[in-house]
Amino acid sequence: MKRREFINLLGGVSLTWPLAARAQQTTMPRIGFLSSASAAAYKPYVSAYRIGLNEAGFVEDRNIAIDFR
């Protein structure tokens, strides 16, 4: 009887392990903004893009990151 309980325990742990690992991932989505122009040239576009992200429920540095290059 103890062998069956042990096998059931191992089976249960192996089924729930991927769910626990997936729940711990807290990576923030990242958007890359690439441009060869100066920062002043695309500043109006960046501000409009941030407004659009805010309307969609994304706030920079809270639930989304933007990288400028």
PDB file of N, CA and C in Angstrom:
ATOM      1  N   MET A   1       0.823  -1.208   0.000  1.00  0.00           N
ATOM      2  CA  MET A   1       0.000   0.000   0.000  1.00  0.00           C
ATOM      3  C   MET A   1       0.863   1.266   0.000  1.00  0.00           C
ATOM      4  N   LYS A   2       1.957   1.266   0.713  1.00  0.00           N
ATOM      5  CA  LYS A   2       2.805   2.450   0.774  1.00  0.00           C
ATOM      6  C   LYS A   2       3.458   2.727  -0.572  1.00  0.00           C
ATOM      7  N   ARG A   3       3.757   1.685  -1.319  1.00  0.00           N
ATOM      8  CA  ARG A   3       4.374   1.874  -2.628  1.00  0.00           C
ATOM      9  C   ARG A   3       3.413   2.605  -3.561  1.00  0.00           C
ATOM     10  N   ARG A   4       2.152   2.255  -3.543  1.00  0.00           N
ATOM     11  CA  ARG A   4       1.155   2.918  -4.399  1.00  0.00           C
ATOM     12  C   ARG A   4       0.988   4.382  -4.008  1.00  0.00           C
ATOM     13  N   GLU A   5       0.983   4.677  -2.740  1.00  0.00           N
ATOM     14  CA  GLU A   5       0.869   6.064  -2.287  1.00  0.00           C
ATOM     15  C   GLU A   5       2.076   6.880  -2.746  1.00  0.00           C
ATOM     16  N   PHE A   6       3.259   6.271  -2.670  1.00  0.00           N
ATOM     17  CA  PHE A   6       4.470   6.964  -3.099  1.00  0.00           C
ATOM     18  C   PHE A   6       4.435   7.239  -4.601  1.00  0.00           C
ATOM     19  N   ILE A   7       4.005   6.272  -5.387  1.00  0.00           N
ATOM     20  CA  ILE A   7       3.908   6.457  -6.836  1.00  0.00           C
ATOM     21  C   ILE A   7       2.875   7.528  -7.166  1.00  0.00           C
ATOM     22  N   ASN A   8       1.759   7.557  -6.470  1.00  0.00           N
ATOM     23  CA  ASN A   8       0.750   8.603  -6.683  1.00  0.00           C
ATOM     24  C   ASN A   8       1.302   9.981  -6.320  1.00  0.00           C
ATOM     25  N   LEU A   9       2.088  10.044  -5.268  1.00  0.00           N
ATOM     26  CA  LEU A   9       2.686  11.309  -4.869  1.00  0.00           C
ATOM     27  C   LEU A   9       3.659  11.806  -5.934  1.00  0.00           C
ATOM     28  N   LEU A  10       4.509  10.925  -6.442  1.00  0.00           N
ATOM     29  CA  LEU A  10       5.443  11.315  -7.492  1.00  0.00           C
ATOM     30  C   LEU A  10       4.717  11.763  -8.757  1.00  0.00           C
ATOM     31  N   GLY A  11       3.654  11.082  -9.103  1.00  0.00           N
ATOM     32  CA  GLY A  11       2.871  11.468 -10.279  1.00  0.00           C
ATOM     33  C   GLY A  11       2.229  12.826 -10.103  1.00  0.00           C
ATOM     34  N   GLY A  12       1.714  13.107  -8.926  1.00  0.00           N
ATOM     35  CA  GLY A  12       1.102  14.408  -8.668  1.00  0.00           C
ATOM     36  C   GLY A  12       2.104  15.536  -8.705  1.00  0.00           C
ATOM     37  N   VAL A  13       3.292  15.298  -8.141  1.00  0.00           N
ATOM     38  CA  VAL A  13       4.337  16.322  -8.149  1.00  0.00           C
ATOM     39  C   VAL A  13       4.806  16.590  -9.571  1.00  0.00           C
ATOM     40  N   SER A  14       4.960  15.526 -10.364  1.00  0.00           N
ATOM     41  CA  SER A  14       5.446  15.724 -11.731  1.00  0.00           C
ATOM     42  C   SER A  14       4.421  16.460 -12.586  1.00  0.00           C
ATOM     43  N   LEU A  15       3.140  16.351 -12.261  1.00  0.00           N
ATOM     44  CA  LEU A  15       2.121  17.075 -13.025  1.00  0.00           C
ATOM     45  C   LEU A  15       2.024  18.537 -12.629  1.00  0.00           C
ATOM     46  N   THR A  16       2.265  18.851 -11.368  1.00  0.00           N
ATOM     47  CA  THR A  16       2.129  20.238 -10.922  1.00  0.00           C
ATOM     48  C   THR A  16       3.426  21.027 -11.033  1.00  0.00           C
ATOM     49  N   TRP A  17       4.557  20.389 -11.235  1.00  0.00           N
ATOM     50  CA  TRP A  17       5.842  21.082 -11.321  1.00  0.00           C
ATOM     51  C   TRP A  17       5.869  22.126 -12.431  1.00  0.00           C
ATOM     52  N   PRO A  18       5.439  21.820 -13.683  1.00  0.00           N
ATOM     53  CA  PRO A  18       5.473  22.857 -14.729  1.00  0.00           C
ATOM     54  C   PRO A  18       4.568  24.046 -14.409  1.00  0.00           C
ATOM     55  N   LEU A  19       3.452  23.821 -13.746  1.00  0.00           N
ATOM     56  CA  LEU A  19       2.560  24.927 -13.398  1.00  0.00           C
ATOM     57  C   LEU A  19       3.202  25.855 -12.389  1.00  0.00           C
ATOM     58  N   ALA A  20       3.899  25.300 -11.408  1.00  0.00           N
ATOM     59  CA  ALA A  20       4.563  26.133 -10.407  1.00  0.00           C
ATOM     60  C   ALA A  20       5.714  26.909 -11.034  1.00  0.00           C
ATOM     61  N   ALA A  21       6.444  26.298 -11.930  1.00  0.00           N
ATOM     62  CA  ALA A  21       7.559  26.997 -12.578  1.00  0.00           C
ATOM     63  C   ALA A  21       7.054  28.114 -13.466  1.00  0.00           C
ATOM     64  N   ARG A  22       5.949  27.911 -14.154  1.00  0.00           N
ATOM     65  CA  ARG A  22       5.394  28.938 -15.028  1.00  0.00           C
ATOM     66  C   ARG A  22       4.850  30.106 -14.220  1.00  0.00           C
ATOM     67  N   ALA A  23       4.317  29.853 -13.050  1.00  0.00           N
ATOM     68  CA  ALA A  23       3.731  30.912 -12.234  1.00  0.00           C
ATOM     69  C   ALA A  23       4.793  31.836 -11.656  1.00  0.00           C
ATOM     70  N   GLN A  24       6.036  31.382 -11.539  1.00  0.00           N
ATOM     71  CA  GLN A  24       7.071  32.196 -10.939  1.00  0.00           C
ATOM     72  C   GLN A  24       7.754  33.131 -11.924  1.00  0.00           C
ATOM     73  N   GLN A  25       7.489  32.992 -13.188  1.00  0.00           N
ATOM     74  CA  GLN A  25       8.130  33.856 -14.168  1.00  0.00           C
ATOM     75  C   GLN A  25       7.460  35.218 -14.170  1.00  0.00           C
ATOM     76  N   THR A  26       8.235  36.237 -13.855  1.00  0.00           N
ATOM     77  CA  THR A  26       7.693  37.595 -13.804  1.00  0.00           C
ATOM     78  C   THR A  26       8.488  38.520 -14.721  1.00  0.00           C
ATOM     79  N   THR A  27       8.813  38.033 -15.903  1.00  0.00           N
ATOM     80  CA  THR A  27       9.556  38.872 -16.827  1.00  0.00           C
ATOM     81  C   THR A  27       8.652  39.952 -17.404  1.00  0.00           C
ATOM     82  N   MET A  28       9.198  41.116 -17.556  1.00  0.00           N
ATOM     83  CA  MET A  28       8.450  42.249 -18.080  1.00  0.00           C
ATOM     84  C   MET A  28       8.602  42.287 -19.603  1.00  0.00           C
ATOM     85  N   PRO A  29       7.500  42.472 -20.334  1.00  0.00           N
ATOM     86  CA  PRO A  29       7.634  42.608 -21.786  1.00  0.00           C
ATOM     87  C   PRO A  29       8.495  43.825 -22.130  1.00  0.00           C
ATOM     88  N   ARG A  30       9.265  43.702 -23.212  1.00  0.00           N
ATOM     89  CA  ARG A  30      10.207  44.751 -23.588  1.00  0.00           C
ATOM     90  C   ARG A  30       9.982  45.122 -25.048  1.00  0.00           C
ATOM     91  N   ILE A  31       9.921  46.415 -25.318  1.00  0.00           N
ATOM     92  CA  ILE A  31       9.762  46.938 -26.673  1.00  0.00           C
ATOM     93  C   ILE A  31      11.059  47.646 -27.051  1.00  0.00           C
ATOM     94  N   GLY A  32      11.547  47.361 -28.229  1.00  0.00           N
ATOM     95  CA  GLY A  32      12.752  48.021 -28.709  1.00  0.00           C
ATOM     96  C   GLY A  32      12.399  49.110 -29.703  1.00  0.00           C
ATOM     97  N   PHE A  33      12.949  50.304 -29.516  1.00  0.00           N
ATOM     98  CA  PHE A  33      12.709  51.427 -30.419  1.00  0.00           C
ATOM     99  C   PHE A  33      14.041  51.775 -31.067  1.00  0.00           C
ATOM    100  N   LEU A  34      14.165  51.485 -32.352  1.00  0.00           N
ATOM    101  CA  LEU A  34      15.415  51.708 -33.076  1.00  0.00           C
ATOM    102  C   LEU A  34      15.268  52.870 -34.041  1.00  0.00           C
ATOM    103  N   SER A  35      16.263  53.753 -34.060  1.00  0.00           N
ATOM    104  CA  SER A  35      16.241  54.876 -34.980  1.00  0.00           C
ATOM    105  C   SER A  35      17.664  55.374 -35.201  1.00  0.00           C
ATOM    106  N   SER A  36      17.931  55.795 -36.424  1.00  0.00           N
ATOM    107  CA  SER A  36      19.248  56.359 -36.712  1.00  0.00           C
ATOM    108  C   SER A  36      19.241  57.883 -36.614  1.00  0.00           C
ATOM    109  N   ALA A  37      18.074  58.467 -36.410  1.00  0.00           N
ATOM    110  CA  ALA A  37      17.959  59.922 -36.297  1.00  0.00           C
ATOM    111  C   ALA A  37      18.250  60.357 -34.861  1.00  0.00           C
ATOM    112  N   SER A  38      18.349  61.649 -34.663  1.00  0.00           N
ATOM    113  CA  SER A  38      18.575  62.164 -33.313  1.00  0.00           C
ATOM    114  C   SER A  38      17.298  61.999 -32.479  1.00  0.00           C
ATOM    115  N   ALA A  39      17.458  62.076 -31.175  1.00  0.00           N
ATOM    116  CA  ALA A  39      16.320  61.884 -30.273  1.00  0.00           C
ATOM    117  C   ALA A  39      15.254  62.958 -30.462  1.00  0.00           C
ATOM    118  N   ALA A  40      15.666  64.173 -30.797  1.00  0.00           N
ATOM    119  CA  ALA A  40      14.709  65.265 -30.983  1.00  0.00           C
ATOM    120  C   ALA A  40      13.838  65.039 -32.225  1.00  0.00           C
ATOM    121  N   ALA A  41      14.339  64.331 -33.214  1.00  0.00           N
ATOM    122  CA  ALA A  41      13.588  64.122 -34.452  1.00  0.00           C
ATOM    123  C   ALA A  41      12.393  63.201 -34.257  1.00  0.00           C
ATOM    124  N   TYR A  42      12.498  62.248 -33.375  1.00  0.00           N
ATOM    125  CA  TYR A  42      11.389  61.305 -33.199  1.00  0.00           C
ATOM    126  C   TYR A  42      10.681  61.465 -31.862  1.00  0.00           C
ATOM    127  N   LYS A  43      10.928  62.559 -31.153  1.00  0.00           N
ATOM    128  CA  LYS A  43      10.295  62.786 -29.860  1.00  0.00           C
ATOM    129  C   LYS A  43       8.762  62.839 -29.932  1.00  0.00           C
ATOM    130  N   PRO A  44       8.136  63.491 -30.937  1.00  0.00           N
ATOM    131  CA  PRO A  44       6.671  63.495 -30.995  1.00  0.00           C
ATOM    132  C   PRO A  44       6.087  62.100 -31.209  1.00  0.00           C
ATOM    133  N   TYR A  45       6.807  61.264 -31.949  1.00  0.00           N
ATOM    134  CA  TYR A  45       6.315  59.909 -32.196  1.00  0.00           C
ATOM    135  C   TYR A  45       6.381  59.054 -30.933  1.00  0.00           C
ATOM    136  N   VAL A  46       7.440  59.253 -30.164  1.00  0.00           N
ATOM    137  CA  VAL A  46       7.588  58.500 -28.921  1.00  0.00           C
ATOM    138  C   VAL A  46       6.514  58.894 -27.925  1.00  0.00           C
ATOM    139  N   SER A  47       6.220  60.169 -27.821  1.00  0.00           N
ATOM    140  CA  SER A  47       5.179  60.594 -26.873  1.00  0.00           C
ATOM    141  C   SER A  47       3.808  60.073 -27.300  1.00  0.00           C
ATOM    142  N   ALA A  48       3.528  60.071 -28.585  1.00  0.00           N
ATOM    143  CA  ALA A  48       2.251  59.521 -29.066  1.00  0.00           C
ATOM    144  C   ALA A  48       2.194  58.015 -28.827  1.00  0.00           C
ATOM    145  N   TYR A  49       3.314  57.345 -28.987  1.00  0.00           N
ATOM    146  CA  TYR A  49       3.371  55.900 -28.753  1.00  0.00           C
ATOM    147  C   TYR A  49       3.129  55.583 -27.282  1.00  0.00           C
ATOM    148  N   ARG A  50       3.710  56.383 -26.393  1.00  0.00           N
ATOM    149  CA  ARG A  50       3.491  56.183 -24.951  1.00  0.00           C
ATOM    150  C   ARG A  50       2.034  56.422 -24.575  1.00  0.00           C
ATOM    151  N   ILE A  51       1.414  57.430 -25.184  1.00  0.00           N
ATOM    152  CA  ILE A  51      -0.008  57.693 -24.919  1.00  0.00           C
ATOM    153  C   ILE A  51      -0.852  56.503 -25.362  1.00  0.00           C
ATOM    154  N   GLY A  52      -0.536  55.953 -26.531  1.00  0.00           N
ATOM    155  CA  GLY A  52      -1.256  54.777 -27.011  1.00  0.00           C
ATOM    156  C   GLY A  52      -1.068  53.571 -26.105  1.00  0.00           C
ATOM    157  N   LEU A  53       0.147  53.381 -25.594  1.00  0.00           N
ATOM    158  CA  LEU A  53       0.383  52.288 -24.655  1.00  0.00           C
ATOM    159  C   LEU A  53      -0.401  52.486 -23.362  1.00  0.00           C
ATOM    160  N   ASN A  54      -0.442  53.734 -22.879  1.00  0.00           N
ATOM    161  CA  ASN A  54      -1.211  54.018 -21.662  1.00  0.00           C
ATOM    162  C   ASN A  54      -2.690  53.749 -21.860  1.00  0.00           C
ATOM    163  N   GLU A  55      -3.217  54.077 -23.025  1.00  0.00           N
ATOM    164  CA  GLU A  55      -4.629  53.807 -23.310  1.00  0.00           C
ATOM    165  C   GLU A  55      -4.911  52.303 -23.365  1.00  0.00           C
ATOM    166  N   ALA A  56      -3.900  51.525 -23.752  1.00  0.00           N
ATOM    167  CA  ALA A  56      -4.055  50.076 -23.821  1.00  0.00           C
ATOM    168  C   ALA A  56      -3.810  49.409 -22.465  1.00  0.00           C
ATOM    169  N   GLY A  57      -3.428  50.205 -21.460  1.00  0.00           N
ATOM    170  CA  GLY A  57      -3.236  49.661 -20.122  1.00  0.00           C
ATOM    171  C   GLY A  57      -1.796  49.362 -19.762  1.00  0.00           C
ATOM    172  N   PHE A  58      -0.850  49.806 -20.582  1.00  0.00           N
ATOM    173  CA  PHE A  58       0.555  49.580 -20.301  1.00  0.00           C
ATOM    174  C   PHE A  58       1.189  50.856 -19.768  1.00  0.00           C
ATOM    175  N   VAL A  59       1.922  50.739 -18.665  1.00  0.00           N
ATOM    176  CA  VAL A  59       2.611  51.873 -18.066  1.00  0.00           C
ATOM    177  C   VAL A  59       4.097  51.546 -18.064  1.00  0.00           C
ATOM    178  N   GLU A  60       4.879  52.453 -18.626  1.00  0.00           N
ATOM    179  CA  GLU A  60       6.316  52.221 -18.739  1.00  0.00           C
ATOM    180  C   GLU A  60       6.944  52.049 -17.362  1.00  0.00           C
ATOM    181  N   ASP A  61       7.828  51.095 -17.239  1.00  0.00           N
ATOM    182  CA  ASP A  61       8.563  50.725 -16.028  1.00  0.00           C
ATOM    183  C   ASP A  61       7.676  50.091 -14.957  1.00  0.00           C
ATOM    184  N   ARG A  62       6.394  49.908 -15.222  1.00  0.00           N
ATOM    185  CA  ARG A  62       5.559  49.168 -14.284  1.00  0.00           C
ATOM    186  C   ARG A  62       5.195  47.805 -14.858  1.00  0.00           C
ATOM    187  N   ASN A  63       4.661  47.782 -16.086  1.00  0.00           N
ATOM    188  CA  ASN A  63       4.324  46.500 -16.696  1.00  0.00           C
ATOM    189  C   ASN A  63       4.829  46.362 -18.131  1.00  0.00           C
ATOM    190  N   ILE A  64       5.669  47.289 -18.568  1.00  0.00           N
ATOM    191  CA  ILE A  64       6.314  47.193 -19.880  1.00  0.00           C
ATOM    192  C   ILE A  64       7.583  48.048 -19.863  1.00  0.00           C
ATOM    193  N   ALA A  65       8.587  47.630 -20.618  1.00  0.00           N
ATOM    194  CA  ALA A  65       9.843  48.382 -20.694  1.00  0.00           C
ATOM    195  C   ALA A  65      10.095  48.747 -22.156  1.00  0.00           C
ATOM    196  N   ILE A  66      10.608  49.963 -22.368  1.00  0.00           N
ATOM    197  CA  ILE A  66      10.929  50.434 -23.715  1.00  0.00           C
ATOM    198  C   ILE A  66      12.421  50.724 -23.754  1.00  0.00           C
ATOM    199  N   ASP A  67      13.102  50.112 -24.716  1.00  0.00           N
ATOM    200  CA  ASP A  67      14.535  50.355 -24.913  1.00  0.00           C
ATOM    201  C   ASP A  67      14.735  51.223 -26.141  1.00  0.00           C
ATOM    202  N   PHE A  68      15.454  52.306 -25.965  1.00  0.00           N
ATOM    203  CA  PHE A  68      15.745  53.234 -27.066  1.00  0.00           C
ATOM    204  C   PHE A  68      17.185  53.033 -27.507  1.00  0.00           C
ATOM    205  N   ARG A  69      17.387  52.866 -28.798  1.00  0.00           N
ATOM    206  CA  ARG A  69      18.732  52.709 -29.360  1.00  0.00           C
ATOM    207  C   ARG A  69      18.869  53.562 -30.574  1.00  0.00           C
TER     208      ARG A  69
END
